[in-house]
Amino acid sequence: PKEPAMDRSLLIHVTVLLGLTALAVTSAPAAEPDSARQKDLIHLVRQDCGSCHGMRLAGGLGPSLLPEKMADWPDDSLVATILHGRPGTAMPGWQRFMDEAEAGWIVARLKQGFPALP
């Protein structure tokens, strides 16, 4: 049976609204981790990520994580890489050590210039 035009139009509008709502939710800024957790995350990046990306994050086995290299990469792609790794490469996923908001915080710090160890 053919759907009435009014119902189909309503369905399209609801679908668009849900999509925009999802987009707004995923692009909302994440809450900052507390200062103790920030120190843990800085240590993890400097030590664990630094073991492949270089202690100054300028590159090594893995590519540079300096702001000029990170600028053109979409944040959500970088978060996904941190959490899930890169199959077929030495890049592991880190999702058992952090959540999506914390990975987003790391991405934001990498794009600014990552802080030194406290």
N, C-alpha and C. Protein backbone atom coordinates (compact mmCIF):
# COMPACT_ATOMS: atom_id res chain seq x y z
N PRO A 1 0.83 -1.19 0.00
CA PRO A 1 0.00 0.00 0.00
C PRO A 1 0.88 1.25 0.00
N LYS A 2 0.36 2.26 -0.67
CA LYS A 2 1.08 3.52 -0.76
C LYS A 2 0.88 4.33 0.52
N GLU A 3 2.02 4.90 1.02
CA GLU A 3 1.95 5.73 2.23
C GLU A 3 1.31 7.07 1.88
N PRO A 4 0.50 7.60 2.78
CA PRO A 4 -0.03 8.95 2.56
C PRO A 4 1.13 9.95 2.53
N ALA A 5 1.01 10.99 1.71
CA ALA A 5 2.07 11.99 1.56
C ALA A 5 2.39 12.67 2.88
N MET A 6 1.39 12.95 3.69
CA MET A 6 1.59 13.65 4.95
C MET A 6 2.45 12.80 5.89
N ASP A 7 2.18 11.52 5.98
CA ASP A 7 2.94 10.64 6.86
C ASP A 7 4.39 10.52 6.40
N ARG A 8 4.59 10.43 5.12
CA ARG A 8 5.94 10.33 4.57
C ARG A 8 6.74 11.61 4.85
N SER A 9 6.11 12.76 4.68
CA SER A 9 6.75 14.03 4.96
C SER A 9 7.12 14.13 6.44
N LEU A 10 6.23 13.71 7.31
CA LEU A 10 6.51 13.72 8.74
C LEU A 10 7.68 12.81 9.06
N LEU A 11 7.72 11.64 8.47
CA LEU A 11 8.81 10.70 8.67
C LEU A 11 10.15 11.31 8.24
N ILE A 12 10.17 11.98 7.12
CA ILE A 12 11.39 12.63 6.64
C ILE A 12 11.84 13.71 7.62
N HIS A 13 10.91 14.53 8.09
CA HIS A 13 11.25 15.59 9.04
C HIS A 13 11.79 15.03 10.35
N VAL A 14 11.14 13.99 10.85
CA VAL A 14 11.60 13.37 12.10
C VAL A 14 13.00 12.78 11.91
N THR A 15 13.24 12.12 10.78
CA THR A 15 14.54 11.54 10.50
C THR A 15 15.62 12.62 10.44
N VAL A 16 15.33 13.73 9.78
CA VAL A 16 16.29 14.83 9.70
C VAL A 16 16.55 15.40 11.09
N LEU A 17 15.50 15.60 11.88
CA LEU A 17 15.68 16.13 13.24
C LEU A 17 16.52 15.20 14.09
N LEU A 18 16.27 13.90 14.01
CA LEU A 18 17.07 12.94 14.77
C LEU A 18 18.53 12.97 14.33
N GLY A 19 18.75 13.09 13.05
CA GLY A 19 20.12 13.17 12.54
C GLY A 19 20.83 14.42 13.03
N LEU A 20 20.15 15.56 13.01
CA LEU A 20 20.74 16.80 13.51
C LEU A 20 20.99 16.74 15.01
N THR A 21 20.07 16.10 15.74
CA THR A 21 20.26 15.95 17.18
C THR A 21 21.48 15.09 17.46
N ALA A 22 21.63 14.00 16.73
CA ALA A 22 22.79 13.13 16.92
C ALA A 22 24.07 13.89 16.59
N LEU A 23 24.05 14.69 15.54
CA LEU A 23 25.22 15.48 15.16
C LEU A 23 25.57 16.48 16.26
N ALA A 24 24.56 17.13 16.81
CA ALA A 24 24.79 18.11 17.88
C ALA A 24 25.37 17.44 19.12
N VAL A 25 24.87 16.25 19.44
CA VAL A 25 25.36 15.53 20.61
C VAL A 25 26.81 15.09 20.40
N THR A 26 27.14 14.56 19.23
CA THR A 26 28.50 14.08 19.01
C THR A 26 29.50 15.21 18.85
N SER A 27 29.06 16.41 18.50
CA SER A 27 30.02 17.48 18.34
C SER A 27 30.05 18.42 19.55
N ALA A 28 29.28 18.10 20.60
CA ALA A 28 29.33 18.90 21.82
C ALA A 28 30.67 18.67 22.50
N PRO A 29 31.26 19.72 23.07
CA PRO A 29 32.54 19.55 23.72
C PRO A 29 32.43 18.62 24.92
N ALA A 30 33.41 17.77 25.08
CA ALA A 30 33.41 16.83 26.19
C ALA A 30 33.87 17.53 27.46
N ALA A 31 33.40 17.01 28.58
CA ALA A 31 33.84 17.55 29.87
C ALA A 31 35.32 17.25 30.06
N GLU A 32 36.01 18.16 30.68
CA GLU A 32 37.43 17.97 30.96
C GLU A 32 37.59 16.92 32.05
N PRO A 33 38.56 16.03 31.90
CA PRO A 33 38.85 15.10 33.00
C PRO A 33 39.36 15.91 34.19
N ASP A 34 39.18 15.38 35.41
CA ASP A 34 39.69 16.10 36.58
C ASP A 34 41.21 16.14 36.53
N SER A 35 41.82 16.97 37.36
CA SER A 35 43.27 17.21 37.24
C SER A 35 44.09 15.95 37.46
N ALA A 36 43.66 15.07 38.35
CA ALA A 36 44.41 13.82 38.57
C ALA A 36 44.36 12.95 37.32
N ARG A 37 43.19 12.86 36.70
CA ARG A 37 43.06 12.05 35.48
C ARG A 37 43.84 12.69 34.34
N GLN A 38 43.86 14.02 34.25
CA GLN A 38 44.66 14.69 33.22
C GLN A 38 46.13 14.31 33.37
N LYS A 39 46.63 14.28 34.59
CA LYS A 39 48.03 13.89 34.82
C LYS A 39 48.27 12.46 34.35
N ASP A 40 47.30 11.56 34.64
CA ASP A 40 47.42 10.17 34.18
C ASP A 40 47.46 10.09 32.66
N LEU A 41 46.58 10.86 32.01
CA LEU A 41 46.52 10.83 30.54
C LEU A 41 47.78 11.43 29.93
N ILE A 42 48.29 12.50 30.52
CA ILE A 42 49.54 13.10 30.02
C ILE A 42 50.67 12.09 30.15
N HIS A 43 50.73 11.41 31.28
CA HIS A 43 51.77 10.38 31.48
C HIS A 43 51.62 9.27 30.44
N LEU A 44 50.41 8.80 30.23
CA LEU A 44 50.17 7.73 29.25
C LEU A 44 50.65 8.15 27.86
N VAL A 45 50.28 9.36 27.43
CA VAL A 45 50.68 9.82 26.10
C VAL A 45 52.19 9.97 26.02
N ARG A 46 52.78 10.63 27.00
CA ARG A 46 54.22 10.87 26.97
C ARG A 46 55.02 9.57 27.02
N GLN A 47 54.59 8.62 27.84
CA GLN A 47 55.35 7.38 28.01
C GLN A 47 54.94 6.29 27.01
N ASP A 48 53.66 5.95 26.99
CA ASP A 48 53.21 4.83 26.16
C ASP A 48 53.14 5.21 24.68
N CYS A 49 52.49 6.31 24.37
CA CYS A 49 52.43 6.74 22.97
C CYS A 49 53.81 7.18 22.50
N GLY A 50 54.55 7.83 23.42
CA GLY A 50 55.89 8.30 23.09
C GLY A 50 56.85 7.19 22.74
N SER A 51 56.59 5.98 23.21
CA SER A 51 57.49 4.88 22.89
C SER A 51 57.49 4.56 21.39
N CYS A 52 56.41 4.87 20.69
CA CYS A 52 56.36 4.68 19.23
C CYS A 52 56.41 6.01 18.46
N HIS A 53 55.76 7.02 19.01
CA HIS A 53 55.66 8.31 18.31
C HIS A 53 56.79 9.26 18.67
N GLY A 54 57.75 8.78 19.45
CA GLY A 54 58.88 9.60 19.88
C GLY A 54 58.57 10.30 21.18
N MET A 55 59.58 10.40 22.04
CA MET A 55 59.37 10.99 23.36
C MET A 55 58.95 12.45 23.27
N ARG A 56 59.27 13.11 22.18
CA ARG A 56 58.80 14.49 21.96
C ARG A 56 57.59 14.51 21.03
N LEU A 57 57.07 13.32 20.70
CA LEU A 57 55.91 13.12 19.84
C LEU A 57 56.14 13.62 18.42
N ALA A 58 57.42 13.74 18.04
CA ALA A 58 57.77 14.25 16.71
C ALA A 58 57.88 13.13 15.68
N GLY A 59 57.61 11.90 16.07
CA GLY A 59 57.66 10.78 15.15
C GLY A 59 58.74 9.78 15.53
N GLY A 60 58.54 8.58 15.11
CA GLY A 60 59.45 7.47 15.36
C GLY A 60 58.92 6.30 14.54
N LEU A 61 58.62 5.19 15.20
CA LEU A 61 57.95 4.09 14.52
C LEU A 61 56.59 4.58 14.01
N GLY A 62 55.91 5.37 14.83
CA GLY A 62 54.64 5.98 14.46
C GLY A 62 54.86 7.41 13.96
N PRO A 63 53.87 7.99 13.31
CA PRO A 63 54.03 9.34 12.77
C PRO A 63 54.07 10.42 13.86
N SER A 64 54.47 11.59 13.46
CA SER A 64 54.49 12.76 14.34
C SER A 64 53.09 13.06 14.85
N LEU A 65 53.02 13.46 16.11
CA LEU A 65 51.76 13.90 16.72
C LEU A 65 51.82 15.39 17.07
N LEU A 66 52.70 16.11 16.40
CA LEU A 66 52.81 17.55 16.64
C LEU A 66 51.64 18.29 16.00
N PRO A 67 51.29 19.46 16.55
CA PRO A 67 50.09 20.18 16.09
C PRO A 67 50.03 20.39 14.58
N GLU A 68 51.14 20.74 13.95
CA GLU A 68 51.10 21.00 12.50
C GLU A 68 50.77 19.74 11.70
N LYS A 69 51.08 18.56 12.24
CA LYS A 69 50.75 17.31 11.56
C LYS A 69 49.31 16.87 11.86
N MET A 70 48.79 17.31 12.99
CA MET A 70 47.46 16.88 13.44
C MET A 70 46.35 17.79 12.92
N ALA A 71 46.69 18.99 12.51
CA ALA A 71 45.69 20.02 12.20
C ALA A 71 44.65 19.59 11.17
N ASP A 72 45.04 18.87 10.15
CA ASP A 72 44.11 18.53 9.07
C ASP A 72 43.30 17.27 9.32
N TRP A 73 43.59 16.55 10.38
CA TRP A 73 42.86 15.32 10.67
C TRP A 73 41.59 15.64 11.46
N PRO A 74 40.45 15.08 11.07
CA PRO A 74 39.22 15.31 11.84
C PRO A 74 39.34 14.71 13.24
N ASP A 75 38.84 15.43 14.22
CA ASP A 75 38.92 14.97 15.61
C ASP A 75 38.31 13.58 15.79
N ASP A 76 37.14 13.34 15.19
CA ASP A 76 36.48 12.05 15.40
C ASP A 76 37.30 10.90 14.83
N SER A 77 38.03 11.13 13.75
CA SER A 77 38.90 10.11 13.18
C SER A 77 40.08 9.83 14.12
N LEU A 78 40.63 10.88 14.71
CA LEU A 78 41.74 10.70 15.65
C LEU A 78 41.29 9.99 16.92
N VAL A 79 40.10 10.34 17.41
CA VAL A 79 39.56 9.65 18.59
C VAL A 79 39.38 8.17 18.29
N ALA A 80 38.81 7.85 17.13
CA ALA A 80 38.62 6.45 16.75
C ALA A 80 39.95 5.71 16.66
N THR A 81 40.98 6.37 16.13
CA THR A 81 42.29 5.75 16.03
C THR A 81 42.85 5.47 17.42
N ILE A 82 42.72 6.43 18.32
CA ILE A 82 43.21 6.23 19.69
C ILE A 82 42.48 5.06 20.35
N LEU A 83 41.18 5.04 20.23
CA LEU A 83 40.39 4.02 20.91
C LEU A 83 40.52 2.63 20.29
N HIS A 84 40.56 2.56 18.95
CA HIS A 84 40.47 1.27 18.27
C HIS A 84 41.74 0.87 17.54
N GLY A 85 42.73 1.74 17.48
CA GLY A 85 43.98 1.42 16.80
C GLY A 85 43.82 1.49 15.29
N ARG A 86 44.86 1.01 14.62
CA ARG A 86 44.85 0.94 13.16
C ARG A 86 45.20 -0.47 12.74
N PRO A 87 44.21 -1.23 12.28
CA PRO A 87 44.49 -2.62 11.87
C PRO A 87 45.60 -2.67 10.82
N GLY A 88 46.45 -3.67 10.94
CA GLY A 88 47.53 -3.85 9.98
C GLY A 88 48.75 -2.99 10.28
N THR A 89 48.70 -2.25 11.39
CA THR A 89 49.85 -1.43 11.80
C THR A 89 50.20 -1.76 13.25
N ALA A 90 51.23 -1.13 13.74
CA ALA A 90 51.62 -1.32 15.14
C ALA A 90 50.75 -0.53 16.11
N MET A 91 49.82 0.28 15.60
CA MET A 91 48.98 1.13 16.47
C MET A 91 47.90 0.30 17.14
N PRO A 92 48.01 0.13 18.49
CA PRO A 92 46.97 -0.61 19.23
C PRO A 92 45.82 0.30 19.60
N GLY A 93 44.72 -0.29 19.98
CA GLY A 93 43.61 0.46 20.53
C GLY A 93 43.82 0.66 22.03
N TRP A 94 43.36 1.78 22.54
CA TRP A 94 43.55 2.12 23.95
C TRP A 94 42.24 2.22 24.72
N GLN A 95 41.16 1.68 24.16
CA GLN A 95 39.86 1.86 24.78
C GLN A 95 39.73 1.21 26.15
N ARG A 96 40.57 0.26 26.48
CA ARG A 96 40.46 -0.30 27.84
C ARG A 96 41.12 0.60 28.88
N PHE A 97 41.82 1.65 28.42
CA PHE A 97 42.50 2.56 29.33
C PHE A 97 41.84 3.93 29.42
N MET A 98 40.91 4.21 28.51
CA MET A 98 40.26 5.52 28.50
C MET A 98 38.93 5.43 27.77
N ASP A 99 38.09 6.43 28.01
CA ASP A 99 36.82 6.49 27.31
C ASP A 99 36.90 7.49 26.15
N GLU A 100 35.81 7.63 25.43
CA GLU A 100 35.80 8.50 24.25
C GLU A 100 36.06 9.96 24.61
N ALA A 101 35.50 10.43 25.72
CA ALA A 101 35.71 11.82 26.14
C ALA A 101 37.18 12.07 26.45
N GLU A 102 37.83 11.11 27.10
CA GLU A 102 39.25 11.26 27.42
C GLU A 102 40.11 11.23 26.16
N ALA A 103 39.75 10.38 25.21
CA ALA A 103 40.47 10.37 23.93
C ALA A 103 40.28 11.70 23.21
N GLY A 104 39.09 12.28 23.29
CA GLY A 104 38.84 13.59 22.71
C GLY A 104 39.66 14.68 23.38
N TRP A 105 39.84 14.58 24.69
CA TRP A 105 40.67 15.53 25.43
C TRP A 105 42.11 15.43 24.94
N ILE A 106 42.60 14.20 24.73
CA ILE A 106 43.96 14.00 24.23
C ILE A 106 44.11 14.62 22.85
N VAL A 107 43.15 14.39 21.97
CA VAL A 107 43.20 14.96 20.62
C VAL A 107 43.28 16.48 20.69
N ALA A 108 42.44 17.08 21.52
CA ALA A 108 42.45 18.55 21.65
C ALA A 108 43.82 19.03 22.13
N ARG A 109 44.41 18.34 23.09
CA ARG A 109 45.74 18.72 23.59
C ARG A 109 46.82 18.51 22.53
N LEU A 110 46.73 17.43 21.76
CA LEU A 110 47.72 17.20 20.70
C LEU A 110 47.66 18.33 19.66
N LYS A 111 46.47 18.78 19.35
CA LYS A 111 46.32 19.84 18.35
C LYS A 111 46.81 21.19 18.86
N GLN A 112 46.90 21.35 20.18
CA GLN A 112 47.39 22.60 20.77
C GLN A 112 48.89 22.55 21.03
N GLY A 113 49.43 21.37 21.15
CA GLY A 113 50.81 21.18 21.61
C GLY A 113 50.71 20.49 22.95
N PHE A 114 51.07 19.23 22.99
CA PHE A 114 50.83 18.41 24.17
C PHE A 114 51.65 18.88 25.36
N PRO A 115 51.03 18.93 26.56
CA PRO A 115 51.76 19.39 27.75
C PRO A 115 52.88 18.42 28.16
N ALA A 116 53.85 18.97 28.88
CA ALA A 116 54.94 18.16 29.41
C ALA A 116 54.42 17.33 30.58
N LEU A 117 55.19 16.35 30.96
CA LEU A 117 54.85 15.57 32.15
C LEU A 117 54.86 16.49 33.37
N PRO A 118 53.88 16.34 34.25
CA PRO A 118 53.85 17.20 35.44
C PRO A 118 54.98 16.85 36.40
